[in-house]
Amino acid sequence: MYKLLAKLNKLLLPSFTKQGLDISKAKKWQMAIIGYRAYVTKRALGN
């Protein structure tokens, strides 16, 4: 299930790394997306 979510995230959610976002200047909604993507990626790699 998490592998599917990870693929959907890659297609639908923005990549802040490619945009050159500075984490210290990220807005709350950007931090929420970063945290969500990290959680899903960690779970997808763990299974």
N, C-alpha and C. Protein backbone atom coordinates (compact mmCIF):
# COMPACT_ATOMS: atom_id res chain seq x y z
N MET A 1 0.82 -1.19 0.00
CA MET A 1 0.00 0.00 0.00
C MET A 1 0.87 1.27 0.00
N TYR A 2 1.95 1.26 0.79
CA TYR A 2 2.79 2.45 0.87
C TYR A 2 3.58 2.67 -0.42
N LYS A 3 3.89 1.60 -1.11
CA LYS A 3 4.60 1.76 -2.39
C LYS A 3 3.71 2.49 -3.40
N LEU A 4 2.44 2.16 -3.40
CA LEU A 4 1.48 2.85 -4.28
C LEU A 4 1.35 4.32 -3.89
N LEU A 5 1.26 4.57 -2.59
CA LEU A 5 1.19 5.96 -2.12
C LEU A 5 2.44 6.74 -2.50
N ALA A 6 3.59 6.12 -2.41
CA ALA A 6 4.85 6.79 -2.76
C ALA A 6 4.86 7.16 -4.24
N LYS A 7 4.36 6.28 -5.09
CA LYS A 7 4.31 6.59 -6.52
C LYS A 7 3.33 7.72 -6.81
N LEU A 8 2.18 7.71 -6.12
CA LEU A 8 1.20 8.79 -6.30
C LEU A 8 1.78 10.12 -5.81
N ASN A 9 2.50 10.08 -4.69
CA ASN A 9 3.12 11.30 -4.17
C ASN A 9 4.09 11.89 -5.18
N LYS A 10 4.86 11.02 -5.81
CA LYS A 10 5.85 11.49 -6.77
C LYS A 10 5.17 12.18 -7.96
N LEU A 11 4.02 11.66 -8.35
CA LEU A 11 3.30 12.24 -9.48
C LEU A 11 2.52 13.51 -9.12
N LEU A 12 1.92 13.52 -7.94
CA LEU A 12 0.96 14.58 -7.61
C LEU A 12 1.52 15.71 -6.76
N LEU A 13 2.40 15.40 -5.84
CA LEU A 13 2.89 16.43 -4.91
C LEU A 13 4.15 17.09 -5.45
N PRO A 14 4.34 18.36 -5.12
CA PRO A 14 5.52 19.08 -5.61
C PRO A 14 6.79 18.57 -4.94
N SER A 15 7.89 18.64 -5.68
CA SER A 15 9.20 18.28 -5.13
C SER A 15 9.91 19.57 -4.74
N PHE A 16 10.04 19.76 -3.44
CA PHE A 16 10.67 20.99 -2.95
C PHE A 16 12.17 20.95 -3.12
N THR A 17 12.75 19.77 -3.24
CA THR A 17 14.19 19.66 -3.47
C THR A 17 14.54 20.23 -4.83
N LYS A 18 13.76 19.89 -5.83
CA LYS A 18 14.02 20.41 -7.18
C LYS A 18 13.81 21.91 -7.25
N GLN A 19 12.93 22.43 -6.40
CA GLN A 19 12.66 23.87 -6.39
C GLN A 19 13.71 24.64 -5.59
N GLY A 20 14.57 23.93 -4.87
CA GLY A 20 15.61 24.58 -4.08
C GLY A 20 15.08 25.24 -2.83
N LEU A 21 14.05 24.66 -2.22
CA LEU A 21 13.45 25.23 -1.03
C LEU A 21 14.39 25.10 0.17
N ASP A 22 14.56 26.19 0.90
CA ASP A 22 15.33 26.18 2.14
C ASP A 22 14.39 25.75 3.26
N ILE A 23 14.71 24.64 3.93
CA ILE A 23 13.84 24.07 4.95
C ILE A 23 13.56 25.07 6.07
N SER A 24 14.54 25.88 6.42
CA SER A 24 14.35 26.83 7.52
C SER A 24 13.35 27.93 7.16
N LYS A 25 13.11 28.14 5.87
CA LYS A 25 12.17 29.17 5.43
C LYS A 25 10.86 28.59 4.90
N ALA A 26 10.67 27.29 5.07
CA ALA A 26 9.46 26.63 4.55
C ALA A 26 8.24 27.03 5.38
N LYS A 27 7.13 27.12 4.71
CA LYS A 27 5.86 27.42 5.37
C LYS A 27 5.33 26.15 6.02
N LYS A 28 4.33 26.31 6.87
CA LYS A 28 3.80 25.16 7.60
C LYS A 28 3.22 24.11 6.66
N TRP A 29 2.54 24.52 5.61
CA TRP A 29 1.95 23.54 4.69
C TRP A 29 3.04 22.81 3.92
N GLN A 30 4.14 23.49 3.63
CA GLN A 30 5.25 22.85 2.95
C GLN A 30 5.93 21.83 3.87
N MET A 31 6.07 22.18 5.14
CA MET A 31 6.66 21.25 6.10
C MET A 31 5.76 20.04 6.29
N ALA A 32 4.45 20.23 6.25
CA ALA A 32 3.51 19.11 6.37
C ALA A 32 3.67 18.15 5.19
N ILE A 33 3.81 18.69 3.99
CA ILE A 33 3.99 17.84 2.81
C ILE A 33 5.33 17.11 2.88
N ILE A 34 6.38 17.80 3.30
CA ILE A 34 7.69 17.17 3.43
C ILE A 34 7.63 16.02 4.44
N GLY A 35 7.00 16.26 5.57
CA GLY A 35 6.88 15.22 6.59
C GLY A 35 6.06 14.04 6.11
N TYR A 36 4.97 14.31 5.42
CA TYR A 36 4.12 13.25 4.89
C TYR A 36 4.87 12.40 3.87
N ARG A 37 5.58 13.07 2.96
CA ARG A 37 6.33 12.34 1.94
C ARG A 37 7.44 11.50 2.58
N ALA A 38 8.10 12.04 3.58
CA ALA A 38 9.16 11.29 4.27
C ALA A 38 8.58 10.07 4.98
N TYR A 39 7.45 10.22 5.63
CA TYR A 39 6.81 9.10 6.32
C TYR A 39 6.42 8.00 5.35
N VAL A 40 5.78 8.37 4.24
CA VAL A 40 5.34 7.38 3.26
C VAL A 40 6.55 6.69 2.62
N THR A 41 7.59 7.45 2.30
CA THR A 41 8.78 6.86 1.70
C THR A 41 9.45 5.88 2.66
N LYS A 42 9.56 6.27 3.92
CA LYS A 42 10.17 5.39 4.92
C LYS A 42 9.38 4.09 5.04
N ARG A 43 8.07 4.18 5.08
CA ARG A 43 7.24 3.00 5.20
C ARG A 43 7.31 2.13 3.93
N ALA A 44 7.39 2.77 2.77
CA ALA A 44 7.45 2.02 1.51
C ALA A 44 8.77 1.26 1.40
N LEU A 45 9.85 1.85 1.88
CA LEU A 45 11.16 1.18 1.81
C LEU A 45 11.29 0.10 2.87
N GLY A 46 10.55 0.23 3.95
CA GLY A 46 10.63 -0.73 5.04
C GLY A 46 9.90 -2.03 4.75
N ASN A 47 8.96 -2.02 3.83
CA ASN A 47 8.17 -3.24 3.54
C ASN A 47 8.80 -4.06 2.48
